[in-house]
């Protein structure tokens, strides 16, 4: 197979380049362009519309931090909704909790899921093997609008950037629908972009403005994702009841005996300790 070079444009003058990759799949769907590659260092990775989504080398970081943080705050969560997450990694982590009863995963583009099952079983394997995971191939906003009020204890918005099919998952209407679909002690975790480059920082501020206007508790935490622009990325934590630090239950979480490669109970609090420039940007958004 002929080797090629993968380049992702982070800004006009800053690019991510991965040399000596095999381009193993290319496909255009009604929603986006999907490509899969094999890299010496990163293993299998895939992109949507030319943007890195997940790779075998560092996917554990993102999936640890989107899933285990809320479950260490409310370890009694029973019903989970995942919006997006087509690679299956978030569902994989949530499914490690045996007490969780239902996991609804809503992905607008079925081909993302099916191709990850074929090429990236490291993240997608639980989609085939865990009967609690129910796949719904439809628009996330429409699904949440149709959900019963108070249905979910946890909603994880594992979305792409706010362009293309992911655009509606950053809207005020979407966050309102999530608020309605959450139980009285429900938690919302959303992909909150990055504070570093201008484009992602603008979306970070916009998302925080919308979520903070709806939820009694709205905080932001950070993680380090080497293959996303700048490597410094954020999740939002919003809840009607639980504070991510004041209500953290590390002793209870430890009883689950889950081996995690990035998340741990000491890191939990530290993740919410943000750099000054990020705190200032989020404060201005309020």
C-alpha atoms as a PDB file:
ATOM      1  CA  UNK A   1       0.000   0.000   0.000  1.00  0.00           C
ATOM      2  CA  UNK A   2       1.332   3.429  -0.977  1.00  0.00           C
ATOM      3  CA  UNK A   3       2.401   5.661   1.913  1.00  0.00           C
ATOM      4  CA  UNK A   4       1.047   9.198   2.163  1.00  0.00           C
ATOM      5  CA  UNK A   5       1.155  12.203   4.494  1.00  0.00           C
ATOM      6  CA  UNK A   6      -1.840  13.320   6.549  1.00  0.00           C
ATOM      7  CA  UNK A   7      -2.014  17.044   7.330  1.00  0.00           C
ATOM      8  CA  UNK A   8      -4.672  18.772   9.400  1.00  0.00           C
ATOM      9  CA  UNK A   9      -4.881  22.571   9.340  1.00  0.00           C
ATOM     10  CA  UNK A  10      -5.211  23.833  12.927  1.00  0.00           C
ATOM     11  CA  UNK A  11      -4.794  27.484  11.907  1.00  0.00           C
ATOM     12  CA  UNK A  12      -3.586  29.170   8.727  1.00  0.00           C
ATOM     13  CA  UNK A  13       0.024  28.684   9.802  1.00  0.00           C
ATOM     14  CA  UNK A  14      -0.082  25.817  12.320  1.00  0.00           C
ATOM     15  CA  UNK A  15      -0.669  22.294  11.015  1.00  0.00           C
ATOM     16  CA  UNK A  16      -0.593  18.749  12.378  1.00  0.00           C
ATOM     17  CA  UNK A  17       1.320  16.460  10.019  1.00  0.00           C
ATOM     18  CA  UNK A  18       1.621  12.678  10.306  1.00  0.00           C
ATOM     19  CA  UNK A  19       4.061  11.079   7.905  1.00  0.00           C
ATOM     20  CA  UNK A  20       4.167   7.585   6.424  1.00  0.00           C
ATOM     21  CA  UNK A  21       0.482   6.723   6.827  1.00  0.00           C
ATOM     22  CA  UNK A  22      -1.578   4.173   4.926  1.00  0.00           C
ATOM     23  CA  UNK A  23      -4.902   5.582   3.709  1.00  0.00           C
ATOM     24  CA  UNK A  24      -7.116   2.554   4.258  1.00  0.00           C
ATOM     25  CA  UNK A  25     -10.634   3.899   3.671  1.00  0.00           C
ATOM     26  CA  UNK A  26     -12.346   6.914   2.101  1.00  0.00           C
ATOM     27  CA  UNK A  27     -16.087   7.489   1.948  1.00  0.00           C
ATOM     28  CA  UNK A  28     -18.541  10.354   1.521  1.00  0.00           C
ATOM     29  CA  UNK A  29     -21.901  10.046   3.259  1.00  0.00           C
ATOM     30  CA  UNK A  30     -24.891  12.420   3.136  1.00  0.00           C
ATOM     31  CA  UNK A  31     -23.447  14.037   6.274  1.00  0.00           C
ATOM     32  CA  UNK A  32     -19.648  14.155   5.955  1.00  0.00           C
ATOM     33  CA  UNK A  33     -16.452  12.692   4.531  1.00  0.00           C
ATOM     34  CA  UNK A  34     -14.921   9.795   6.488  1.00  0.00           C
ATOM     35  CA  UNK A  35     -11.321   8.658   6.170  1.00  0.00           C
ATOM     36  CA  UNK A  36      -9.379   5.954   8.000  1.00  0.00           C
ATOM     37  CA  UNK A  37      -5.587   5.820   8.188  1.00  0.00           C
ATOM     38  CA  UNK A  38      -2.905   3.626   9.716  1.00  0.00           C
ATOM     39  CA  UNK A  39       0.027   5.404  11.357  1.00  0.00           C
ATOM     40  CA  UNK A  40       3.274   4.026  12.778  1.00  0.00           C
ATOM     41  CA  UNK A  41       2.932   5.958  16.043  1.00  0.00           C
ATOM     42  CA  UNK A  42      -0.817   6.550  16.406  1.00  0.00           C
ATOM     43  CA  UNK A  43      -2.114   3.252  15.043  1.00  0.00           C
ATOM     44  CA  UNK A  44      -5.484   3.372  13.302  1.00  0.00           C
ATOM     45  CA  UNK A  45      -7.108   6.794  13.256  1.00  0.00           C
ATOM     46  CA  UNK A  46     -10.077   8.312  11.509  1.00  0.00           C
ATOM     47  CA  UNK A  47     -11.109  11.785  10.446  1.00  0.00           C
ATOM     48  CA  UNK A  48     -14.404  13.479   9.663  1.00  0.00           C
ATOM     49  CA  UNK A  49     -14.212  16.221   7.047  1.00  0.00           C
ATOM     50  CA  UNK A  50     -10.448  16.226   7.494  1.00  0.00           C
ATOM     51  CA  UNK A  51     -10.420  16.590  11.298  1.00  0.00           C
ATOM     52  CA  UNK A  52      -8.949  14.010  13.674  1.00  0.00           C
ATOM     53  CA  UNK A  53     -11.637  12.233  15.702  1.00  0.00           C
ATOM     54  CA  UNK A  54      -9.931   9.303  17.433  1.00  0.00           C
ATOM     55  CA  UNK A  55      -6.808   7.199  17.230  1.00  0.00           C
ATOM     56  CA  UNK A  56      -5.577   4.086  18.971  1.00  0.00           C
ATOM     57  CA  UNK A  57      -2.731   5.897  20.747  1.00  0.00           C
ATOM     58  CA  UNK A  58      -4.576   8.555  22.759  1.00  0.00           C
ATOM     59  CA  UNK A  59      -8.331   7.852  22.553  1.00  0.00           C
ATOM     60  CA  UNK A  60      -8.315   6.647  26.178  1.00  0.00           C
ATOM     61  CA  UNK A  61      -7.700  10.200  27.418  1.00  0.00           C
ATOM     62  CA  UNK A  62     -10.853  11.672  25.910  1.00  0.00           C
ATOM     63  CA  UNK A  63     -13.044   8.706  26.775  1.00  0.00           C
ATOM     64  CA  UNK A  64     -11.808   8.489  30.361  1.00  0.00           C
ATOM     65  CA  UNK A  65     -12.502  12.140  31.017  1.00  0.00           C
ATOM     66  CA  UNK A  66     -15.937  12.393  29.420  1.00  0.00           C
ATOM     67  CA  UNK A  67     -17.300   9.362  31.263  1.00  0.00           C
ATOM     68  CA  UNK A  68     -15.647   8.805  34.646  1.00  0.00           C
ATOM     69  CA  UNK A  69     -15.818  12.369  35.986  1.00  0.00           C
ATOM     70  CA  UNK A  70     -19.638  12.471  36.263  1.00  0.00           C
ATOM     71  CA  UNK A  71     -19.837   8.905  37.565  1.00  0.00           C
ATOM     72  CA  UNK A  72     -17.441   9.791  40.369  1.00  0.00           C
ATOM     73  CA  UNK A  73     -19.770  12.655  41.333  1.00  0.00           C
ATOM     74  CA  UNK A  74     -22.973  10.608  41.168  1.00  0.00           C
ATOM     75  CA  UNK A  75     -22.099   6.902  41.356  1.00  0.00           C
ATOM     76  CA  UNK A  76     -25.796   5.946  41.367  1.00  0.00           C
ATOM     77  CA  UNK A  77     -26.457   6.964  37.752  1.00  0.00           C
ATOM     78  CA  UNK A  78     -28.704   4.401  36.046  1.00  0.00           C
ATOM     79  CA  UNK A  79     -29.813   5.830  32.694  1.00  0.00           C
ATOM     80  CA  UNK A  80     -27.329   7.365  30.266  1.00  0.00           C
ATOM     81  CA  UNK A  81     -27.731   9.144  26.927  1.00  0.00           C
ATOM     82  CA  UNK A  82     -24.756   9.597  24.606  1.00  0.00           C
ATOM     83  CA  UNK A  83     -25.149  12.088  21.777  1.00  0.00           C
ATOM     84  CA  UNK A  84     -22.606  11.407  19.048  1.00  0.00           C
ATOM     85  CA  UNK A  85     -19.746   9.165  20.091  1.00  0.00           C
ATOM     86  CA  UNK A  86     -19.828   7.154  16.886  1.00  0.00           C
ATOM     87  CA  UNK A  87     -16.447   5.560  17.546  1.00  0.00           C
ATOM     88  CA  UNK A  88     -17.990   3.772  20.542  1.00  0.00           C
ATOM     89  CA  UNK A  89     -15.323   4.722  23.074  1.00  0.00           C
ATOM     90  CA  UNK A  90     -17.626   6.658  25.381  1.00  0.00           C
ATOM     91  CA  UNK A  91     -20.183   3.837  25.387  1.00  0.00           C
ATOM     92  CA  UNK A  92     -17.366   1.389  26.087  1.00  0.00           C
ATOM     93  CA  UNK A  93     -16.330   3.275  29.223  1.00  0.00           C
ATOM     94  CA  UNK A  94     -19.873   3.823  30.509  1.00  0.00           C
ATOM     95  CA  UNK A  95     -20.663   0.135  29.979  1.00  0.00           C
ATOM     96  CA  UNK A  96     -17.892  -0.803  32.420  1.00  0.00           C
ATOM     97  CA  UNK A  97     -20.279   0.210  35.241  1.00  0.00           C
ATOM     98  CA  UNK A  98     -22.385  -2.866  35.863  1.00  0.00           C
ATOM     99  CA  UNK A  99     -25.089  -0.974  37.779  1.00  0.00           C
ATOM    100  CA  UNK A 100     -26.001   1.193  34.786  1.00  0.00           C
ATOM    101  CA  UNK A 101     -29.257  -0.062  33.307  1.00  0.00           C
ATOM    102  CA  UNK A 102     -29.635   1.660  29.924  1.00  0.00           C
ATOM    103  CA  UNK A 103     -27.254   3.380  27.513  1.00  0.00           C
ATOM    104  CA  UNK A 104     -28.878   5.111  24.545  1.00  0.00           C
ATOM    105  CA  UNK A 105     -26.374   6.213  21.910  1.00  0.00           C
ATOM    106  CA  UNK A 106     -27.586   8.620  19.226  1.00  0.00           C
ATOM    107  CA  UNK A 107     -25.352   9.053  16.169  1.00  0.00           C
ATOM    108  CA  UNK A 108     -26.640  10.829  13.075  1.00  0.00           C
ATOM    109  CA  UNK A 109     -24.329   8.984  10.658  1.00  0.00           C
ATOM    110  CA  UNK A 110     -24.583   5.208  10.864  1.00  0.00           C
ATOM    111  CA  UNK A 111     -21.568   4.781   8.622  1.00  0.00           C
ATOM    112  CA  UNK A 112     -19.272   6.232  11.296  1.00  0.00           C
ATOM    113  CA  UNK A 113     -20.362   3.502  13.696  1.00  0.00           C
ATOM    114  CA  UNK A 114     -20.168   0.678  11.166  1.00  0.00           C
ATOM    115  CA  UNK A 115     -16.735   1.724   9.905  1.00  0.00           C
ATOM    116  CA  UNK A 116     -15.386   2.002  13.449  1.00  0.00           C
ATOM    117  CA  UNK A 117     -16.709  -1.487  14.143  1.00  0.00           C
ATOM    118  CA  UNK A 118     -14.725  -2.665  11.108  1.00  0.00           C
ATOM    119  CA  UNK A 119     -11.525  -0.652  11.505  1.00  0.00           C
ATOM    120  CA  UNK A 120     -11.388   0.534  15.142  1.00  0.00           C
ATOM    121  CA  UNK A 121     -12.690  -2.289  17.368  1.00  0.00           C
ATOM    122  CA  UNK A 122     -10.548  -0.932  20.210  1.00  0.00           C
ATOM    123  CA  UNK A 123     -13.213   1.729  20.761  1.00  0.00           C
ATOM    124  CA  UNK A 124     -16.260   0.131  19.143  1.00  0.00           C
ATOM    125  CA  UNK A 125     -16.250  -3.431  20.514  1.00  0.00           C
ATOM    126  CA  UNK A 126     -18.841  -2.828  23.259  1.00  0.00           C
ATOM    127  CA  UNK A 127     -21.417  -1.767  20.669  1.00  0.00           C
ATOM    128  CA  UNK A 128     -21.661  -5.385  19.542  1.00  0.00           C
ATOM    129  CA  UNK A 129     -21.453  -7.109  22.900  1.00  0.00           C
ATOM    130  CA  UNK A 130     -23.390  -5.129  25.525  1.00  0.00           C
ATOM    131  CA  UNK A 131     -27.204  -5.411  25.294  1.00  0.00           C
ATOM    132  CA  UNK A 132     -27.677  -2.284  27.417  1.00  0.00           C
ATOM    133  CA  UNK A 133     -26.335  -0.165  24.542  1.00  0.00           C
ATOM    134  CA  UNK A 134     -29.129   0.826  22.170  1.00  0.00           C
ATOM    135  CA  UNK A 135     -28.086   2.513  18.931  1.00  0.00           C
ATOM    136  CA  UNK A 136     -30.244   5.240  17.385  1.00  0.00           C
ATOM    137  CA  UNK A 137     -29.230   6.616  14.004  1.00  0.00           C
ATOM    138  CA  UNK A 138     -30.899  10.003  13.945  1.00  0.00           C
ATOM    139  CA  UNK A 139     -30.417  13.669  14.707  1.00  0.00           C
ATOM    140  CA  UNK A 140     -29.395  14.284  18.324  1.00  0.00           C
ATOM    141  CA  UNK A 141     -31.535  17.377  18.832  1.00  0.00           C
ATOM    142  CA  UNK A 142     -34.633  15.626  17.465  1.00  0.00           C
ATOM    143  CA  UNK A 143     -33.997  12.621  19.726  1.00  0.00           C
ATOM    144  CA  UNK A 144     -33.622  14.716  22.867  1.00  0.00           C
ATOM    145  CA  UNK A 145     -36.709  16.755  21.965  1.00  0.00           C
ATOM    146  CA  UNK A 146     -38.661  13.496  21.794  1.00  0.00           C
ATOM    147  CA  UNK A 147     -37.298  12.073  25.043  1.00  0.00           C
ATOM    148  CA  UNK A 148     -39.476  11.859  28.123  1.00  0.00           C
ATOM    149  CA  UNK A 149     -38.863  14.658  30.622  1.00  0.00           C
ATOM    150  CA  UNK A 150     -36.480  13.532  33.367  1.00  0.00           C
ATOM    151  CA  UNK A 151     -35.598  10.320  31.509  1.00  0.00           C
ATOM    152  CA  UNK A 152     -31.813  10.444  31.906  1.00  0.00           C
ATOM    153  CA  UNK A 153     -29.464  10.744  34.870  1.00  0.00           C
ATOM    154  CA  UNK A 154     -26.519  11.569  32.616  1.00  0.00           C
ATOM    155  CA  UNK A 155     -26.235  13.045  29.127  1.00  0.00           C
ATOM    156  CA  UNK A 156     -22.825  12.908  27.452  1.00  0.00           C
ATOM    157  CA  UNK A 157     -22.503  15.142  24.402  1.00  0.00           C
ATOM    158  CA  UNK A 158     -19.622  13.497  22.553  1.00  0.00           C
ATOM    159  CA  UNK A 159     -19.880  15.755  19.534  1.00  0.00           C
ATOM    160  CA  UNK A 160     -17.673  16.932  16.723  1.00  0.00           C
ATOM    161  CA  UNK A 161     -16.905  20.634  16.356  1.00  0.00           C
ATOM    162  CA  UNK A 162     -19.882  22.988  15.745  1.00  0.00           C
ATOM    163  CA  UNK A 163     -19.779  22.611  11.976  1.00  0.00           C
ATOM    164  CA  UNK A 164     -21.640  20.253   9.668  1.00  0.00           C
ATOM    165  CA  UNK A 165     -23.749  17.624  11.454  1.00  0.00           C
ATOM    166  CA  UNK A 166     -22.416  18.728  14.862  1.00  0.00           C
ATOM    167  CA  UNK A 167     -23.605  22.327  14.591  1.00  0.00           C
ATOM    168  CA  UNK A 168     -27.005  21.786  16.196  1.00  0.00           C
ATOM    169  CA  UNK A 169     -25.396  20.194  19.266  1.00  0.00           C
ATOM    170  CA  UNK A 170     -24.009  23.597  20.308  1.00  0.00           C
ATOM    171  CA  UNK A 171     -27.329  25.467  20.084  1.00  0.00           C
ATOM    172  CA  UNK A 172     -29.422  26.977  22.873  1.00  0.00           C
ATOM    173  CA  UNK A 173     -32.362  24.800  21.780  1.00  0.00           C
ATOM    174  CA  UNK A 174     -30.261  21.658  22.196  1.00  0.00           C
ATOM    175  CA  UNK A 175     -29.101  22.545  25.700  1.00  0.00           C
ATOM    176  CA  UNK A 176     -32.678  23.421  26.674  1.00  0.00           C
ATOM    177  CA  UNK A 177     -33.824  20.023  25.434  1.00  0.00           C
ATOM    178  CA  UNK A 178     -31.060  18.319  27.432  1.00  0.00           C
ATOM    179  CA  UNK A 179     -32.117  20.192  30.571  1.00  0.00           C
ATOM    180  CA  UNK A 180     -35.687  18.943  30.152  1.00  0.00           C
ATOM    181  CA  UNK A 181     -34.581  15.347  29.497  1.00  0.00           C
ATOM    182  CA  UNK A 182     -32.421  15.216  32.625  1.00  0.00           C
ATOM    183  CA  UNK A 183     -33.680  14.016  35.996  1.00  0.00           C
ATOM    184  CA  UNK A 184     -33.723  16.423  38.938  1.00  0.00           C
ATOM    185  CA  UNK A 185     -30.176  15.391  39.864  1.00  0.00           C
ATOM    186  CA  UNK A 186     -29.052  14.901  36.272  1.00  0.00           C
ATOM    187  CA  UNK A 187     -25.620  15.786  34.896  1.00  0.00           C
ATOM    188  CA  UNK A 188     -24.708  17.082  31.429  1.00  0.00           C
ATOM    189  CA  UNK A 189     -21.171  16.690  30.083  1.00  0.00           C
ATOM    190  CA  UNK A 190     -20.432  18.427  26.797  1.00  0.00           C
ATOM    191  CA  UNK A 191     -17.430  18.637  24.501  1.00  0.00           C
ATOM    192  CA  UNK A 192     -16.409  22.226  25.286  1.00  0.00           C
ATOM    193  CA  UNK A 193     -13.752  22.916  22.663  1.00  0.00           C
ATOM    194  CA  UNK A 194     -10.338  24.443  23.425  1.00  0.00           C
ATOM    195  CA  UNK A 195      -9.270  27.757  24.977  1.00  0.00           C
ATOM    196  CA  UNK A 196      -6.120  28.166  22.907  1.00  0.00           C
ATOM    197  CA  UNK A 197      -6.659  28.950  19.227  1.00  0.00           C
ATOM    198  CA  UNK A 198      -9.151  31.691  18.313  1.00  0.00           C
ATOM    199  CA  UNK A 199     -11.732  29.561  16.490  1.00  0.00           C
ATOM    200  CA  UNK A 200     -12.132  26.979  19.254  1.00  0.00           C
ATOM    201  CA  UNK A 201     -11.985  29.636  21.991  1.00  0.00           C
ATOM    202  CA  UNK A 202     -14.953  31.475  20.473  1.00  0.00           C
ATOM    203  CA  UNK A 203     -17.006  28.276  20.536  1.00  0.00           C
ATOM    204  CA  UNK A 204     -15.912  27.566  24.109  1.00  0.00           C
ATOM    205  CA  UNK A 205     -17.256  30.948  25.215  1.00  0.00           C
ATOM    206  CA  UNK A 206     -20.493  30.607  23.258  1.00  0.00           C
ATOM    207  CA  UNK A 207     -21.223  27.164  24.709  1.00  0.00           C
ATOM    208  CA  UNK A 208     -20.505  28.341  28.244  1.00  0.00           C
ATOM    209  CA  UNK A 209     -22.830  31.310  27.864  1.00  0.00           C
ATOM    210  CA  UNK A 210     -25.726  29.072  26.832  1.00  0.00           C
ATOM    211  CA  UNK A 211     -25.202  26.332  29.414  1.00  0.00           C
ATOM    212  CA  UNK A 212     -24.543  28.721  32.299  1.00  0.00           C
ATOM    213  CA  UNK A 213     -27.851  30.469  31.599  1.00  0.00           C
ATOM    214  CA  UNK A 214     -29.760  27.182  32.046  1.00  0.00           C
ATOM    215  CA  UNK A 215     -28.097  25.187  34.820  1.00  0.00           C
ATOM    216  CA  UNK A 216     -27.715  26.008  38.509  1.00  0.00           C
ATOM    217  CA  UNK A 217     -24.214  24.522  38.409  1.00  0.00           C
ATOM    218  CA  UNK A 218     -21.961  25.032  35.397  1.00  0.00           C
ATOM    219  CA  UNK A 219     -18.231  24.291  35.567  1.00  0.00           C
ATOM    220  CA  UNK A 220     -15.475  23.468  33.094  1.00  0.00           C
ATOM    221  CA  UNK A 221     -12.618  20.983  33.352  1.00  0.00           C
ATOM    222  CA  UNK A 222      -9.567  20.299  31.226  1.00  0.00           C
ATOM    223  CA  UNK A 223      -7.689  17.381  29.735  1.00  0.00           C
ATOM    224  CA  UNK A 224      -4.704  17.019  27.449  1.00  0.00           C
ATOM    225  CA  UNK A 225      -5.425  15.494  24.063  1.00  0.00           C
ATOM    226  CA  UNK A 226      -2.187  15.489  22.042  1.00  0.00           C
ATOM    227  CA  UNK A 227      -3.763  15.102  18.594  1.00  0.00           C
ATOM    228  CA  UNK A 228      -6.449  17.809  18.947  1.00  0.00           C
ATOM    229  CA  UNK A 229      -5.564  21.432  18.094  1.00  0.00           C
ATOM    230  CA  UNK A 230      -3.161  22.787  20.759  1.00  0.00           C
ATOM    231  CA  UNK A 231      -3.578  19.619  22.854  1.00  0.00           C
ATOM    232  CA  UNK A 232      -5.449  21.579  25.550  1.00  0.00           C
ATOM    233  CA  UNK A 233      -9.145  20.688  25.548  1.00  0.00           C
ATOM    234  CA  UNK A 234     -12.155  21.091  27.802  1.00  0.00           C
ATOM    235  CA  UNK A 235     -15.371  19.431  28.888  1.00  0.00           C
ATOM    236  CA  UNK A 236     -18.294  21.242  30.443  1.00  0.00           C
ATOM    237  CA  UNK A 237     -19.952  19.882  33.595  1.00  0.00           C
ATOM    238  CA  UNK A 238     -23.502  21.125  34.219  1.00  0.00           C
ATOM    239  CA  UNK A 239     -26.036  19.892  36.735  1.00  0.00           C
ATOM    240  CA  UNK A 240     -29.274  20.801  38.444  1.00  0.00           C
ATOM    241  CA  UNK A 241     -27.913  19.532  41.776  1.00  0.00           C
ATOM    242  CA  UNK A 242     -24.382  18.154  41.888  1.00  0.00           C
ATOM    243  CA  UNK A 243     -21.193  20.205  42.116  1.00  0.00           C
ATOM    244  CA  UNK A 244     -18.247  18.377  40.546  1.00  0.00           C
ATOM    245  CA  UNK A 245     -15.862  19.060  43.429  1.00  0.00           C
ATOM    246  CA  UNK A 246     -18.110  19.558  46.480  1.00  0.00           C
ATOM    247  CA  UNK A 247     -20.063  16.378  45.675  1.00  0.00           C
ATOM    248  CA  UNK A 248     -17.145  14.274  44.433  1.00  0.00           C
ATOM    249  CA  UNK A 249     -17.306  10.748  45.904  1.00  0.00           C
ATOM    250  CA  UNK A 250     -13.841   9.239  45.390  1.00  0.00           C
ATOM    251  CA  UNK A 251     -14.241   6.532  48.038  1.00  0.00           C
ATOM    252  CA  UNK A 252     -17.399   5.229  46.386  1.00  0.00           C
ATOM    253  CA  UNK A 253     -15.897   5.428  42.900  1.00  0.00           C
ATOM    254  CA  UNK A 254     -12.853   3.461  44.001  1.00  0.00           C
ATOM    255  CA  UNK A 255     -15.105   0.539  44.984  1.00  0.00           C
ATOM    256  CA  UNK A 256     -15.857  -0.031  41.287  1.00  0.00           C
ATOM    257  CA  UNK A 257     -12.223  -1.188  40.884  1.00  0.00           C
ATOM    258  CA  UNK A 258     -11.930   0.211  37.374  1.00  0.00           C
ATOM    259  CA  UNK A 259      -8.473   0.476  35.865  1.00  0.00           C
ATOM    260  CA  UNK A 260      -8.243   3.796  34.032  1.00  0.00           C
ATOM    261  CA  UNK A 261      -5.204   5.000  32.150  1.00  0.00           C
ATOM    262  CA  UNK A 262      -5.790   8.773  32.493  1.00  0.00           C
ATOM    263  CA  UNK A 263      -8.519   9.543  35.012  1.00  0.00           C
ATOM    264  CA  UNK A 264      -7.981   9.012  38.739  1.00  0.00           C
ATOM    265  CA  UNK A 265      -9.421  10.419  41.957  1.00  0.00           C
ATOM    266  CA  UNK A 266      -6.521  12.820  42.519  1.00  0.00           C
ATOM    267  CA  UNK A 267      -6.779  14.147  38.976  1.00  0.00           C
ATOM    268  CA  UNK A 268     -10.520  14.761  39.373  1.00  0.00           C
ATOM    269  CA  UNK A 269     -10.203  17.923  41.448  1.00  0.00           C
ATOM    270  CA  UNK A 270      -7.093  19.083  39.621  1.00  0.00           C
ATOM    271  CA  UNK A 271      -8.887  18.981  36.265  1.00  0.00           C
ATOM    272  CA  UNK A 272     -11.169  21.802  37.420  1.00  0.00           C
ATOM    273  CA  UNK A 273      -8.218  24.022  38.386  1.00  0.00           C
ATOM    274  CA  UNK A 274      -7.994  26.082  35.201  1.00  0.00           C
ATOM    275  CA  UNK A 275      -5.269  28.436  33.972  1.00  0.00           C
ATOM    276  CA  UNK A 276      -5.937  32.135  34.513  1.00  0.00           C
ATOM    277  CA  UNK A 277      -6.515  32.944  30.843  1.00  0.00           C
ATOM    278  CA  UNK A 278      -9.188  30.239  30.635  1.00  0.00           C
ATOM    279  CA  UNK A 279     -10.891  31.354  33.844  1.00  0.00           C
ATOM    280  CA  UNK A 280     -10.979  34.924  32.587  1.00  0.00           C
ATOM    281  CA  UNK A 281     -12.523  33.925  29.256  1.00  0.00           C
ATOM    282  CA  UNK A 282     -15.187  31.819  30.984  1.00  0.00           C
ATOM    283  CA  UNK A 283     -15.871  34.557  33.562  1.00  0.00           C
ATOM    284  CA  UNK A 284     -16.493  37.044  30.769  1.00  0.00           C
ATOM    285  CA  UNK A 285     -18.909  34.550  29.195  1.00  0.00           C
ATOM    286  CA  UNK A 286     -20.996  34.559  32.373  1.00  0.00           C
END
